[in-house]
Amino acid sequence: MASAVKRGLQKIFERAEKSQSALKRILNPSADGAGTRVFPPQNPNSDRQIGLRIDKGEPVQGKANVLKLKLQVNKNADDPTLKKMADQNSHAVVSEAEVNVAQEPNVENLKSLFSNFEKNIRL
């Protein structure tokens, strides 16, 4: 299961690193709107192909400019392992990571965030 999550996370990373607007969406999300999608934009094809999404969490208490981001599985994922996970609980958070919304939106910071997502995978 963890390998399916890592593959989906890699797909998100590959799409995000190619676009400055994607870097900004992920690394500099607005503080309001917990529970809303950060990346990738909602699209049936992307949802199926990637199988995962990053949703906005709550501000981290005691840490200025820091939000929690949540990695969740899409119900219509093509990957059978991810689909099975979503069928069991479509709202399950498979990983979390904290993001400083004031940081520079660059690939190095994206790599650091995705490394934290990988370390925090829970199934």
PDB file of N, CA and C in Angstrom:
ATOM      1  N   MET A   1       0.810  -1.203   0.000  1.00  0.00           N
ATOM      2  CA  MET A   1       0.000   0.000   0.000  1.00  0.00           C
ATOM      3  C   MET A   1       0.851   1.264   0.000  1.00  0.00           C
ATOM      4  N   ALA A   2       1.903   1.255   0.818  1.00  0.00           N
ATOM      5  CA  ALA A   2       2.759   2.435   0.884  1.00  0.00           C
ATOM      6  C   ALA A   2       3.390   2.730  -0.468  1.00  0.00           C
ATOM      7  N   SER A   3       3.718   1.682  -1.229  1.00  0.00           N
ATOM      8  CA  SER A   3       4.337   1.918  -2.538  1.00  0.00           C
ATOM      9  C   SER A   3       3.347   2.578  -3.496  1.00  0.00           C
ATOM     10  N   ALA A   4       2.068   2.252  -3.411  1.00  0.00           N
ATOM     11  CA  ALA A   4       1.056   2.893  -4.260  1.00  0.00           C
ATOM     12  C   ALA A   4       0.930   4.369  -3.901  1.00  0.00           C
ATOM     13  N   VAL A   5       0.974   4.679  -2.616  1.00  0.00           N
ATOM     14  CA  VAL A   5       0.909   6.072  -2.173  1.00  0.00           C
ATOM     15  C   VAL A   5       2.147   6.822  -2.655  1.00  0.00           C
ATOM     16  N   LYS A   6       3.317   6.206  -2.550  1.00  0.00           N
ATOM     17  CA  LYS A   6       4.552   6.853  -3.006  1.00  0.00           C
ATOM     18  C   LYS A   6       4.525   7.101  -4.510  1.00  0.00           C
ATOM     19  N   ARG A   7       3.983   6.159  -5.279  1.00  0.00           N
ATOM     20  CA  ARG A   7       3.871   6.360  -6.737  1.00  0.00           C
ATOM     21  C   ARG A   7       2.947   7.539  -7.047  1.00  0.00           C
ATOM     22  N   GLY A   8       1.821   7.618  -6.364  1.00  0.00           N
ATOM     23  CA  GLY A   8       0.900   8.736  -6.566  1.00  0.00           C
ATOM     24  C   GLY A   8       1.522  10.057  -6.166  1.00  0.00           C
ATOM     25  N   LEU A   9       2.251  10.047  -5.065  1.00  0.00           N
ATOM     26  CA  LEU A   9       2.937  11.252  -4.605  1.00  0.00           C
ATOM     27  C   LEU A   9       3.970  11.697  -5.635  1.00  0.00           C
ATOM     28  N   GLN A  10       4.678  10.748  -6.228  1.00  0.00           N
ATOM     29  CA  GLN A  10       5.662  11.055  -7.269  1.00  0.00           C
ATOM     30  C   GLN A  10       4.983  11.692  -8.482  1.00  0.00           C
ATOM     31  N   LYS A  11       3.803  11.213  -8.842  1.00  0.00           N
ATOM     32  CA  LYS A  11       3.062  11.794  -9.970  1.00  0.00           C
ATOM     33  C   LYS A  11       2.687  13.244  -9.685  1.00  0.00           C
ATOM     34  N   ILE A  12       2.255  13.512  -8.457  1.00  0.00           N
ATOM     35  CA  ILE A  12       1.927  14.892  -8.090  1.00  0.00           C
ATOM     36  C   ILE A  12       3.176  15.755  -8.187  1.00  0.00           C
ATOM     37  N   PHE A  13       4.291  15.271  -7.632  1.00  0.00           N
ATOM     38  CA  PHE A  13       5.542  16.027  -7.654  1.00  0.00           C
ATOM     39  C   PHE A  13       5.956  16.348  -9.089  1.00  0.00           C
ATOM     40  N   GLU A  14       5.904  15.353  -9.972  1.00  0.00           N
ATOM     41  CA  GLU A  14       6.325  15.556 -11.359  1.00  0.00           C
ATOM     42  C   GLU A  14       5.479  16.612 -12.055  1.00  0.00           C
ATOM     43  N   ARG A  15       4.201  16.663 -11.763  1.00  0.00           N
ATOM     44  CA  ARG A  15       3.347  17.697 -12.361  1.00  0.00           C
ATOM     45  C   ARG A  15       3.622  19.061 -11.740  1.00  0.00           C
ATOM     46  N   ALA A  16       3.800  19.086 -10.439  1.00  0.00           N
ATOM     47  CA  ALA A  16       3.959  20.357  -9.736  1.00  0.00           C
ATOM     48  C   ALA A  16       5.284  21.040 -10.038  1.00  0.00           C
ATOM     49  N   GLU A  17       6.355  20.264 -10.181  1.00  0.00           N
ATOM     50  CA  GLU A  17       7.675  20.880 -10.371  1.00  0.00           C
ATOM     51  C   GLU A  17       7.797  21.594 -11.715  1.00  0.00           C
ATOM     52  N   LYS A  18       6.903  21.311 -12.650  1.00  0.00           N
ATOM     53  CA  LYS A  18       6.962  21.909 -13.987  1.00  0.00           C
ATOM     54  C   LYS A  18       6.258  23.257 -14.077  1.00  0.00           C
ATOM     55  N   SER A  19       5.574  23.657 -13.025  1.00  0.00           N
ATOM     56  CA  SER A  19       4.720  24.838 -13.114  1.00  0.00           C
ATOM     57  C   SER A  19       4.907  25.752 -11.906  1.00  0.00           C
ATOM     58  N   GLN A  20       5.229  27.004 -12.166  1.00  0.00           N
ATOM     59  CA  GLN A  20       5.380  27.970 -11.080  1.00  0.00           C
ATOM     60  C   GLN A  20       4.055  28.175 -10.358  1.00  0.00           C
ATOM     61  N   SER A  21       2.943  28.164 -11.086  1.00  0.00           N
ATOM     62  CA  SER A  21       1.647  28.342 -10.421  1.00  0.00           C
ATOM     63  C   SER A  21       1.338  27.150  -9.515  1.00  0.00           C
ATOM     64  N   ALA A  22       1.735  25.942  -9.918  1.00  0.00           N
ATOM     65  CA  ALA A  22       1.535  24.766  -9.068  1.00  0.00           C
ATOM     66  C   ALA A  22       2.400  24.865  -7.816  1.00  0.00           C
ATOM     67  N   LEU A  23       3.640  25.313  -7.978  1.00  0.00           N
ATOM     68  CA  LEU A  23       4.516  25.493  -6.819  1.00  0.00           C
ATOM     69  C   LEU A  23       3.882  26.461  -5.823  1.00  0.00           C
ATOM     70  N   LYS A  24       3.315  27.556  -6.326  1.00  0.00           N
ATOM     71  CA  LYS A  24       2.675  28.538  -5.449  1.00  0.00           C
ATOM     72  C   LYS A  24       1.439  27.959  -4.777  1.00  0.00           C
ATOM     73  N   ARG A  25       0.651  27.185  -5.526  1.00  0.00           N
ATOM     74  CA  ARG A  25      -0.564  26.585  -4.947  1.00  0.00           C
ATOM     75  C   ARG A  25      -0.215  25.667  -3.784  1.00  0.00           C
ATOM     76  N   ILE A  26       0.860  24.901  -3.935  1.00  0.00           N
ATOM     77  CA  ILE A  26       1.229  23.919  -2.913  1.00  0.00           C
ATOM     78  C   ILE A  26       2.013  24.553  -1.767  1.00  0.00           C
ATOM     79  N   LEU A  27       2.972  25.407  -2.087  1.00  0.00           N
ATOM     80  CA  LEU A  27       3.867  25.947  -1.061  1.00  0.00           C
ATOM     81  C   LEU A  27       3.370  27.237  -0.424  1.00  0.00           C
ATOM     82  N   ASN A  28       2.450  27.945  -1.080  1.00  0.00           N
ATOM     83  CA  ASN A  28       1.932  29.199  -0.540  1.00  0.00           C
ATOM     84  C   ASN A  28       0.406  29.231  -0.527  1.00  0.00           C
ATOM     85  N   PRO A  29      -0.260  28.186  -0.005  1.00  0.00           N
ATOM     86  CA  PRO A  29      -1.726  28.219   0.010  1.00  0.00           C
ATOM     87  C   PRO A  29      -2.231  29.270   0.995  1.00  0.00           C
ATOM     88  N   SER A  30      -3.434  29.787   0.750  1.00  0.00           N
ATOM     89  CA  SER A  30      -4.016  30.744   1.688  1.00  0.00           C
ATOM     90  C   SER A  30      -4.357  30.014   2.983  1.00  0.00           C
ATOM     91  N   ALA A  31      -4.386  30.750   4.075  1.00  0.00           N
ATOM     92  CA  ALA A  31      -4.595  30.139   5.390  1.00  0.00           C
ATOM     93  C   ALA A  31      -6.039  29.708   5.624  1.00  0.00           C
ATOM     94  N   ASP A  32      -6.975  30.290   4.890  1.00  0.00           N
ATOM     95  CA  ASP A  32      -8.378  29.935   5.111  1.00  0.00           C
ATOM     96  C   ASP A  32      -8.801  28.773   4.217  1.00  0.00           C
ATOM     97  N   GLY A  33      -9.911  28.180   4.554  1.00  0.00           N
ATOM     98  CA  GLY A  33     -10.470  27.133   3.703  1.00  0.00           C
ATOM     99  C   GLY A  33      -9.985  25.735   3.996  1.00  0.00           C
ATOM    100  N   ALA A  34      -9.834  25.378   5.266  1.00  0.00           N
ATOM    101  CA  ALA A  34      -9.426  24.011   5.610  1.00  0.00           C
ATOM    102  C   ALA A  34     -10.388  23.021   4.963  1.00  0.00           C
ATOM    103  N   GLY A  35      -9.831  21.962   4.404  1.00  0.00           N
ATOM    104  CA  GLY A  35     -10.638  20.943   3.743  1.00  0.00           C
ATOM    105  C   GLY A  35     -10.765  21.126   2.247  1.00  0.00           C
ATOM    106  N   THR A  36     -10.286  22.254   1.729  1.00  0.00           N
ATOM    107  CA  THR A  36     -10.364  22.482   0.287  1.00  0.00           C
ATOM    108  C   THR A  36      -9.138  21.898  -0.404  1.00  0.00           C
ATOM    109  N   ARG A  37      -9.300  21.621  -1.674  1.00  0.00           N
ATOM    110  CA  ARG A  37      -8.226  21.009  -2.453  1.00  0.00           C
ATOM    111  C   ARG A  37      -7.151  22.038  -2.780  1.00  0.00           C
ATOM    112  N   VAL A  38      -5.905  21.599  -2.650  1.00  0.00           N
ATOM    113  CA  VAL A  38      -4.757  22.435  -2.987  1.00  0.00           C
ATOM    114  C   VAL A  38      -4.228  22.051  -4.371  1.00  0.00           C
ATOM    115  N   PHE A  39      -3.973  20.747  -4.576  1.00  0.00           N
ATOM    116  CA  PHE A  39      -3.393  20.288  -5.835  1.00  0.00           C
ATOM    117  C   PHE A  39      -3.583  18.788  -5.956  1.00  0.00           C
ATOM    118  N   PRO A  40      -3.738  18.263  -7.147  1.00  0.00           N
ATOM    119  CA  PRO A  40      -3.952  18.944  -8.421  1.00  0.00           C
ATOM    120  C   PRO A  40      -5.366  19.498  -8.489  1.00  0.00           C
ATOM    121  N   PRO A  41      -5.610  20.436  -9.400  1.00  0.00           N
ATOM    122  CA  PRO A  41      -6.969  20.952  -9.547  1.00  0.00           C
ATOM    123  C   PRO A  41      -7.930  19.791  -9.827  1.00  0.00           C
ATOM    124  N   GLN A  42      -9.147  19.935  -9.333  1.00  0.00           N
ATOM    125  CA  GLN A  42     -10.118  18.852  -9.504  1.00  0.00           C
ATOM    126  C   GLN A  42     -10.430  18.653 -10.982  1.00  0.00           C
ATOM    127  N   ASN A  43     -10.152  17.447 -11.450  1.00  0.00           N
ATOM    128  CA  ASN A  43     -10.349  17.075 -12.845  1.00  0.00           C
ATOM    129  C   ASN A  43     -10.474  15.554 -12.866  1.00  0.00           C
ATOM    130  N   PRO A  44     -11.540  15.016 -13.465  1.00  0.00           N
ATOM    131  CA  PRO A  44     -11.737  13.560 -13.437  1.00  0.00           C
ATOM    132  C   PRO A  44     -10.542  12.764 -13.973  1.00  0.00           C
ATOM    133  N   ASN A  45      -9.916  13.240 -15.044  1.00  0.00           N
ATOM    134  CA  ASN A  45      -8.770  12.512 -15.608  1.00  0.00           C
ATOM    135  C   ASN A  45      -7.578  12.519 -14.658  1.00  0.00           C
ATOM    136  N   SER A  46      -7.245  13.677 -14.116  1.00  0.00           N
ATOM    137  CA  SER A  46      -6.127  13.768 -13.164  1.00  0.00           C
ATOM    138  C   SER A  46      -6.418  12.950 -11.916  1.00  0.00           C
ATOM    139  N   ASP A  47      -7.649  13.037 -11.438  1.00  0.00           N
ATOM    140  CA  ASP A  47      -8.012  12.292 -10.233  1.00  0.00           C
ATOM    141  C   ASP A  47      -7.813  10.795 -10.436  1.00  0.00           C
ATOM    142  N   ARG A  48      -8.181  10.305 -11.608  1.00  0.00           N
ATOM    143  CA  ARG A  48      -8.010   8.878 -11.908  1.00  0.00           C
ATOM    144  C   ARG A  48      -6.532   8.524 -12.053  1.00  0.00           C
ATOM    145  N   GLN A  49      -5.812   9.309 -12.857  1.00  0.00           N
ATOM    146  CA  GLN A  49      -4.419   8.987 -13.173  1.00  0.00           C
ATOM    147  C   GLN A  49      -3.499   9.094 -11.962  1.00  0.00           C
ATOM    148  N   ILE A  50      -3.651  10.147 -11.185  1.00  0.00           N
ATOM    149  CA  ILE A  50      -2.774  10.368 -10.032  1.00  0.00           C
ATOM    150  C   ILE A  50      -3.239   9.540  -8.839  1.00  0.00           C
ATOM    151  N   GLY A  51      -4.525   9.558  -8.588  1.00  0.00           N
ATOM    152  CA  GLY A  51      -5.087   8.764  -7.504  1.00  0.00           C
ATOM    153  C   GLY A  51      -5.028   9.404  -6.130  1.00  0.00           C
ATOM    154  N   LEU A  52      -4.328  10.520  -6.002  1.00  0.00           N
ATOM    155  CA  LEU A  52      -4.189  11.226  -4.728  1.00  0.00           C
ATOM    156  C   LEU A  52      -4.425  12.709  -4.930  1.00  0.00           C
ATOM    157  N   ARG A  53      -4.680  13.392  -3.823  1.00  0.00           N
ATOM    158  CA  ARG A  53      -4.799  14.851  -3.864  1.00  0.00           C
ATOM    159  C   ARG A  53      -4.244  15.421  -2.567  1.00  0.00           C
ATOM    160  N   ILE A  54      -3.852  16.680  -2.633  1.00  0.00           N
ATOM    161  CA  ILE A  54      -3.411  17.398  -1.439  1.00  0.00           C
ATOM    162  C   ILE A  54      -4.530  18.350  -1.053  1.00  0.00           C
ATOM    163  N   ASP A  55      -5.009  18.220   0.180  1.00  0.00           N
ATOM    164  CA  ASP A  55      -6.036  19.110   0.712  1.00  0.00           C
ATOM    165  C   ASP A  55      -5.434  19.983   1.805  1.00  0.00           C
ATOM    166  N   LYS A  56      -6.055  21.139   1.977  1.00  0.00           N
ATOM    167  CA  LYS A  56      -5.598  22.079   2.990  1.00  0.00           C
ATOM    168  C   LYS A  56      -6.111  21.648   4.361  1.00  0.00           C
ATOM    169  N   GLY A  57      -5.225  21.693   5.341  1.00  0.00           N
ATOM    170  CA  GLY A  57      -5.605  21.409   6.718  1.00  0.00           C
ATOM    171  C   GLY A  57      -5.706  22.700   7.516  1.00  0.00           C
ATOM    172  N   GLU A  58      -5.555  22.573   8.806  1.00  0.00           N
ATOM    173  CA  GLU A  58      -5.695  23.701   9.709  1.00  0.00           C
ATOM    174  C   GLU A  58      -4.346  24.375   9.948  1.00  0.00           C
ATOM    175  N   PRO A  59      -4.375  25.644  10.389  1.00  0.00           N
ATOM    176  CA  PRO A  59      -3.123  26.286  10.807  1.00  0.00           C
ATOM    177  C   PRO A  59      -2.521  25.520  11.985  1.00  0.00           C
ATOM    178  N   VAL A  60      -1.205  25.460  12.041  1.00  0.00           N
ATOM    179  CA  VAL A  60      -0.517  24.766  13.129  1.00  0.00           C
ATOM    180  C   VAL A  60      -0.381  25.742  14.293  1.00  0.00           C
ATOM    181  N   GLN A  61      -0.938  25.366  15.440  1.00  0.00           N
ATOM    182  CA  GLN A  61      -0.911  26.225  16.624  1.00  0.00           C
ATOM    183  C   GLN A  61       0.527  26.486  17.066  1.00  0.00           C
ATOM    184  N   GLY A  62       0.814  27.748  17.355  1.00  0.00           N
ATOM    185  CA  GLY A  62       2.131  28.116  17.858  1.00  0.00           C
ATOM    186  C   GLY A  62       3.194  28.297  16.786  1.00  0.00           C
ATOM    187  N   LYS A  63       2.816  28.104  15.524  1.00  0.00           N
ATOM    188  CA  LYS A  63       3.765  28.284  14.423  1.00  0.00           C
ATOM    189  C   LYS A  63       3.165  29.265  13.420  1.00  0.00           C
ATOM    190  N   ALA A  64       3.725  30.463  13.385  1.00  0.00           N
ATOM    191  CA  ALA A  64       3.222  31.482  12.465  1.00  0.00           C
ATOM    192  C   ALA A  64       3.437  31.050  11.019  1.00  0.00           C
ATOM    193  N   ASN A  65       2.467  31.308  10.174  1.00  0.00           N
ATOM    194  CA  ASN A  65       2.537  31.036   8.731  1.00  0.00           C
ATOM    195  C   ASN A  65       2.667  29.554   8.382  1.00  0.00           C
ATOM    196  N   VAL A  66       2.289  28.653   9.283  1.00  0.00           N
ATOM    197  CA  VAL A  66       2.422  27.223   9.007  1.00  0.00           C
ATOM    198  C   VAL A  66       1.042  26.568   8.974  1.00  0.00           C
ATOM    199  N   LEU A  67       0.796  25.838   7.884  1.00  0.00           N
ATOM    200  CA  LEU A  67      -0.446  25.074   7.709  1.00  0.00           C
ATOM    201  C   LEU A  67      -0.121  23.601   7.605  1.00  0.00           C
ATOM    202  N   LYS A  68      -1.080  22.789   7.978  1.00  0.00           N
ATOM    203  CA  LYS A  68      -0.963  21.351   7.778  1.00  0.00           C
ATOM    204  C   LYS A  68      -1.600  21.033   6.425  1.00  0.00           C
ATOM    205  N   LEU A  69      -0.915  20.264   5.595  1.00  0.00           N
ATOM    206  CA  LEU A  69      -1.475  19.768   4.344  1.00  0.00           C
ATOM    207  C   LEU A  69      -1.735  18.280   4.505  1.00  0.00           C
ATOM    208  N   LYS A  70      -2.814  17.806   3.875  1.00  0.00           N
ATOM    209  CA  LYS A  70      -3.225  16.410   4.024  1.00  0.00           C
ATOM    210  C   LYS A  70      -3.253  15.728   2.667  1.00  0.00           C
ATOM    211  N   LEU A  71      -2.709  14.538   2.613  1.00  0.00           N
ATOM    212  CA  LEU A  71      -2.707  13.733   1.396  1.00  0.00           C
ATOM    213  C   LEU A  71      -3.842  12.725   1.512  1.00  0.00           C
ATOM    214  N   GLN A  72      -4.758  12.763   0.524  1.00  0.00           N
ATOM    215  CA  GLN A  72      -5.916  11.876   0.551  1.00  0.00           C
ATOM    216  C   GLN A  72      -6.053  11.145  -0.776  1.00  0.00           C
ATOM    217  N   VAL A  73      -6.730  10.001  -0.732  1.00  0.00           N
ATOM    218  CA  VAL A  73      -6.914   9.152  -1.906  1.00  0.00           C
ATOM    219  C   VAL A  73      -8.202   9.548  -2.619  1.00  0.00           C
ATOM    220  N   ASN A  74      -8.158   9.547  -3.957  1.00  0.00           N
ATOM    221  CA  ASN A  74      -9.350   9.817  -4.767  1.00  0.00           C
ATOM    222  C   ASN A  74     -10.142   8.531  -4.976  1.00  0.00           C
ATOM    223  N   LYS A  75     -11.468   8.623  -4.874  1.00  0.00           N
ATOM    224  CA  LYS A  75     -12.330   7.436  -5.008  1.00  0.00           C
ATOM    225  C   LYS A  75     -12.233   6.788  -6.381  1.00  0.00           C
ATOM    226  N   ASN A  76     -11.979   7.585  -7.407  1.00  0.00           N
ATOM    227  CA  ASN A  76     -11.970   7.041  -8.771  1.00  0.00           C
ATOM    228  C   ASN A  76     -10.553   6.764  -9.279  1.00  0.00           C
ATOM    229  N   ALA A  77      -9.629   6.471  -8.383  1.00  0.00           N
ATOM    230  CA  ALA A  77      -8.237   6.204  -8.765  1.00  0.00           C
ATOM    231  C   ALA A  77      -8.139   4.985  -9.677  1.00  0.00           C
ATOM    232  N   ASP A  78      -7.285   5.080 -10.699  1.00  0.00           N
ATOM    233  CA  ASP A  78      -7.017   3.936 -11.581  1.00  0.00           C
ATOM    234  C   ASP A  78      -6.241   2.842 -10.850  1.00  0.00           C
ATOM    235  N   ASP A  79      -5.325   3.240  -9.981  1.00  0.00           N
ATOM    236  CA  ASP A  79      -4.501   2.276  -9.257  1.00  0.00           C
ATOM    237  C   ASP A  79      -5.409   1.438  -8.346  1.00  0.00           C
ATOM    238  N   PRO A  80      -5.419   0.114  -8.517  1.00  0.00           N
ATOM    239  CA  PRO A  80      -6.338  -0.727  -7.739  1.00  0.00           C
ATOM    240  C   PRO A  80      -6.112  -0.657  -6.227  1.00  0.00           C
ATOM    241  N   THR A  81      -4.869  -0.481  -5.810  1.00  0.00           N
ATOM    242  CA  THR A  81      -4.585  -0.385  -4.376  1.00  0.00           C
ATOM    243  C   THR A  81      -5.164   0.898  -3.802  1.00  0.00           C
ATOM    244  N   LEU A  82      -4.959   2.019  -4.512  1.00  0.00           N
ATOM    245  CA  LEU A  82      -5.506   3.293  -4.046  1.00  0.00           C
ATOM    246  C   LEU A  82      -7.028   3.262  -4.072  1.00  0.00           C
ATOM    247  N   LYS A  83      -7.599   2.684  -5.117  1.00  0.00           N
ATOM    248  CA  LYS A  83      -9.058   2.596  -5.222  1.00  0.00           C
ATOM    249  C   LYS A  83      -9.629   1.804  -4.052  1.00  0.00           C
ATOM    250  N   LYS A  84      -8.995   0.701  -3.708  1.00  0.00           N
ATOM    251  CA  LYS A  84      -9.456  -0.120  -2.583  1.00  0.00           C
ATOM    252  C   LYS A  84      -9.396   0.681  -1.277  1.00  0.00           C
ATOM    253  N   MET A  85      -8.318   1.445  -1.106  1.00  0.00           N
ATOM    254  CA  MET A  85      -8.186   2.279   0.094  1.00  0.00           C
ATOM    255  C   MET A  85      -9.309   3.305   0.158  1.00  0.00           C
ATOM    256  N   ALA A  86      -9.606   3.945  -0.977  1.00  0.00           N
ATOM    257  CA  ALA A  86     -10.658   4.961  -1.020  1.00  0.00           C
ATOM    258  C   ALA A  86     -12.030   4.340  -0.793  1.00  0.00           C
ATOM    259  N   ASP A  87     -12.238   3.144  -1.324  1.00  0.00           N
ATOM    260  CA  ASP A  87     -13.519   2.469  -1.118  1.00  0.00           C
ATOM    261  C   ASP A  87     -13.749   2.166   0.364  1.00  0.00           C
ATOM    262  N   GLN A  88     -12.678   1.890   1.087  1.00  0.00           N
ATOM    263  CA  GLN A  88     -12.794   1.607   2.522  1.00  0.00           C
ATOM    264  C   GLN A  88     -13.061   2.880   3.323  1.00  0.00           C
ATOM    265  N   ASN A  89     -12.431   3.992   2.918  1.00  0.00           N
ATOM    266  CA  ASN A  89     -12.627   5.269   3.609  1.00  0.00           C
ATOM    267  C   ASN A  89     -12.116   6.390   2.716  1.00  0.00           C
ATOM    268  N   SER A  90     -13.026   7.037   2.001  1.00  0.00           N
ATOM    269  CA  SER A  90     -12.625   8.066   1.033  1.00  0.00           C
ATOM    270  C   SER A  90     -12.118   9.343   1.696  1.00  0.00           C
ATOM    271  N   HIS A  91     -12.311   9.470   2.993  1.00  0.00           N
ATOM    272  CA  HIS A  91     -11.841  10.670   3.687  1.00  0.00           C
ATOM    273  C   HIS A  91     -10.582  10.414   4.511  1.00  0.00           C
ATOM    274  N   ALA A  92     -10.040   9.219   4.409  1.00  0.00           N
ATOM    275  CA  ALA A  92      -8.844   8.886   5.183  1.00  0.00           C
ATOM    276  C   ALA A  92      -7.653   9.725   4.726  1.00  0.00           C
ATOM    277  N   VAL A  93      -6.911  10.215   5.679  1.00  0.00           N
ATOM    278  CA  VAL A  93      -5.688  10.967   5.409  1.00  0.00           C
ATOM    279  C   VAL A  93      -4.540   9.968   5.447  1.00  0.00           C
ATOM    280  N   VAL A  94      -3.832   9.809   4.318  1.00  0.00           N
ATOM    281  CA  VAL A  94      -2.748   8.826   4.251  1.00  0.00           C
ATOM    282  C   VAL A  94      -1.389   9.426   4.612  1.00  0.00           C
ATOM    283  N   SER A  95      -1.316  10.761   4.641  1.00  0.00           N
ATOM    284  CA  SER A  95      -0.098  11.430   5.084  1.00  0.00           C
ATOM    285  C   SER A  95      -0.419  12.893   5.370  1.00  0.00           C
ATOM    286  N   GLU A  96       0.420  13.502   6.193  1.00  0.00           N
ATOM    287  CA  GLU A  96       0.316  14.930   6.483  1.00  0.00           C
ATOM    288  C   GLU A  96       1.712  15.529   6.459  1.00  0.00           C
ATOM    289  N   ALA A  97       1.762  16.814   6.156  1.00  0.00           N
ATOM    290  CA  ALA A  97       3.025  17.546   6.213  1.00  0.00           C
ATOM    291  C   ALA A  97       2.703  19.004   6.518  1.00  0.00           C
ATOM    292  N   GLU A  98       3.615  19.656   7.183  1.00  0.00           N
ATOM    293  CA  GLU A  98       3.457  21.077   7.479  1.00  0.00           C
ATOM    294  C   GLU A  98       4.147  21.888   6.397  1.00  0.00           C
ATOM    295  N   VAL A  99       3.509  23.014   6.033  1.00  0.00           N
ATOM    296  CA  VAL A  99       4.085  23.892   5.028  1.00  0.00           C
ATOM    297  C   VAL A  99       4.105  25.320   5.567  1.00  0.00           C
ATOM    298  N   ASN A 100       5.253  25.981   5.435  1.00  0.00           N
ATOM    299  CA  ASN A 100       5.373  27.392   5.780  1.00  0.00           C
ATOM    300  C   ASN A 100       4.912  28.178   4.562  1.00  0.00           C
ATOM    301  N   VAL A 101       3.771  28.835   4.673  1.00  0.00           N
ATOM    302  CA  VAL A 101       3.171  29.500   3.517  1.00  0.00           C
ATOM    303  C   VAL A 101       3.928  30.752   3.091  1.00  0.00           C
ATOM    304  N   ALA A 102       4.913  31.173   3.880  1.00  0.00           N
ATOM    305  CA  ALA A 102       5.706  32.353   3.536  1.00  0.00           C
ATOM    306  C   ALA A 102       7.004  31.987   2.817  1.00  0.00           C
ATOM    307  N   GLN A 103       7.252  30.705   2.607  1.00  0.00           N
ATOM    308  CA  GLN A 103       8.509  30.288   1.978  1.00  0.00           C
ATOM    309  C   GLN A 103       8.508  30.566   0.472  1.00  0.00           C
ATOM    310  N   GLU A 104       9.690  30.541  -0.081  1.00  0.00           N
ATOM    311  CA  GLU A 104       9.875  30.722  -1.524  1.00  0.00           C
ATOM    312  C   GLU A 104       9.283  29.512  -2.260  1.00  0.00           C
ATOM    313  N   PRO A 105       8.426  29.754  -3.271  1.00  0.00           N
ATOM    314  CA  PRO A 105       7.860  28.632  -4.028  1.00  0.00           C
ATOM    315  C   PRO A 105       8.846  28.120  -5.079  1.00  0.00           C
ATOM    316  N   ASN A 106       9.731  27.212  -4.669  1.00  0.00           N
ATOM    317  CA  ASN A 106      10.718  26.668  -5.602  1.00  0.00           C
ATOM    318  C   ASN A 106      10.773  25.141  -5.478  1.00  0.00           C
ATOM    319  N   VAL A 107      11.466  24.510  -6.396  1.00  0.00           N
ATOM    320  CA  VAL A 107      11.516  23.047  -6.459  1.00  0.00           C
ATOM    321  C   VAL A 107      12.194  22.468  -5.221  1.00  0.00           C
ATOM    322  N   GLU A 108      13.203  23.142  -4.698  1.00  0.00           N
ATOM    323  CA  GLU A 108      13.894  22.638  -3.499  1.00  0.00           C
ATOM    324  C   GLU A 108      12.936  22.537  -2.313  1.00  0.00           C
ATOM    325  N   ASN A 109      12.119  23.567  -2.113  1.00  0.00           N
ATOM    326  CA  ASN A 109      11.146  23.529  -1.022  1.00  0.00           C
ATOM    327  C   ASN A 109      10.056  22.492  -1.290  1.00  0.00           C
ATOM    328  N   LEU A 110       9.708  22.299  -2.555  1.00  0.00           N
ATOM    329  CA  LEU A 110       8.737  21.262  -2.914  1.00  0.00           C
ATOM    330  C   LEU A 110       9.293  19.883  -2.568  1.00  0.00           C
ATOM    331  N   LYS A 111      10.564  19.648  -2.890  1.00  0.00           N
ATOM    332  CA  LYS A 111      11.203  18.363  -2.557  1.00  0.00           C
ATOM    333  C   LYS A 111      11.162  18.111  -1.054  1.00  0.00           C
ATOM    334  N   SER A 112      11.436  19.130  -0.276  1.00  0.00           N
ATOM    335  CA  SER A 112      11.423  18.998   1.180  1.00  0.00           C
ATOM    336  C   SER A 112      10.025  18.641   1.682  1.00  0.00           C
ATOM    337  N   LEU A 113       9.013  19.314   1.165  1.00  0.00           N
ATOM    338  CA  LEU A 113       7.632  19.025   1.557  1.00  0.00           C
ATOM    339  C   LEU A 113       7.256  17.592   1.204  1.00  0.00           C
ATOM    340  N   PHE A 114       7.590  17.167  -0.009  1.00  0.00           N
ATOM    341  CA  PHE A 114       7.224  15.822  -0.447  1.00  0.00           C
ATOM    342  C   PHE A 114       7.997  14.756   0.320  1.00  0.00           C
ATOM    343  N   SER A 115       9.212  15.077   0.731  1.00  0.00           N
ATOM    344  CA  SER A 115       9.969  14.167   1.583  1.00  0.00           C
ATOM    345  C   SER A 115       9.241  13.975   2.917  1.00  0.00           C
ATOM    346  N   ASN A 116       8.697  15.061   3.451  1.00  0.00           N
ATOM    347  CA  ASN A 116       7.938  14.969   4.702  1.00  0.00           C
ATOM    348  C   ASN A 116       6.652  14.168   4.511  1.00  0.00           C
ATOM    349  N   PHE A 117       5.978  14.357   3.381  1.00  0.00           N
ATOM    350  CA  PHE A 117       4.794  13.534   3.094  1.00  0.00           C
ATOM    351  C   PHE A 117       5.183  12.052   3.090  1.00  0.00           C
ATOM    352  N   GLU A 118       6.290  11.726   2.434  1.00  0.00           N
ATOM    353  CA  GLU A 118       6.740  10.322   2.364  1.00  0.00           C
ATOM    354  C   GLU A 118       7.047   9.753   3.745  1.00  0.00           C
ATOM    355  N   LYS A 119       7.718  10.536   4.572  1.00  0.00           N
ATOM    356  CA  LYS A 119       8.072  10.075   5.922  1.00  0.00           C
ATOM    357  C   LYS A 119       6.837   9.840   6.787  1.00  0.00           C
ATOM    358  N   ASN A 120       5.775  10.594   6.505  1.00  0.00           N
ATOM    359  CA  ASN A 120       4.586  10.561   7.360  1.00  0.00           C
ATOM    360  C   ASN A 120       3.466   9.667   6.832  1.00  0.00           C
ATOM    361  N   ILE A 121       3.741   8.836   5.841  1.00  0.00           N
ATOM    362  CA  ILE A 121       2.698   7.949   5.307  1.00  0.00           C
ATOM    363  C   ILE A 121       2.227   7.013   6.412  1.00  0.00           C
ATOM    364  N   ARG A 122       0.910   6.952   6.550  1.00  0.00           N
ATOM    365  CA  ARG A 122       0.306   6.035   7.531  1.00  0.00           C
ATOM    366  C   ARG A 122      -0.858   5.322   6.861  1.00  0.00           C
ATOM    367  N   LEU A 123      -0.897   4.038   7.037  1.00  0.00           N
ATOM    368  CA  LEU A 123      -1.933   3.241   6.375  1.00  0.00           C
ATOM    369  C   LEU A 123      -2.723   2.421   7.372  1.00  0.00           C
TER     370      LEU A 123
END
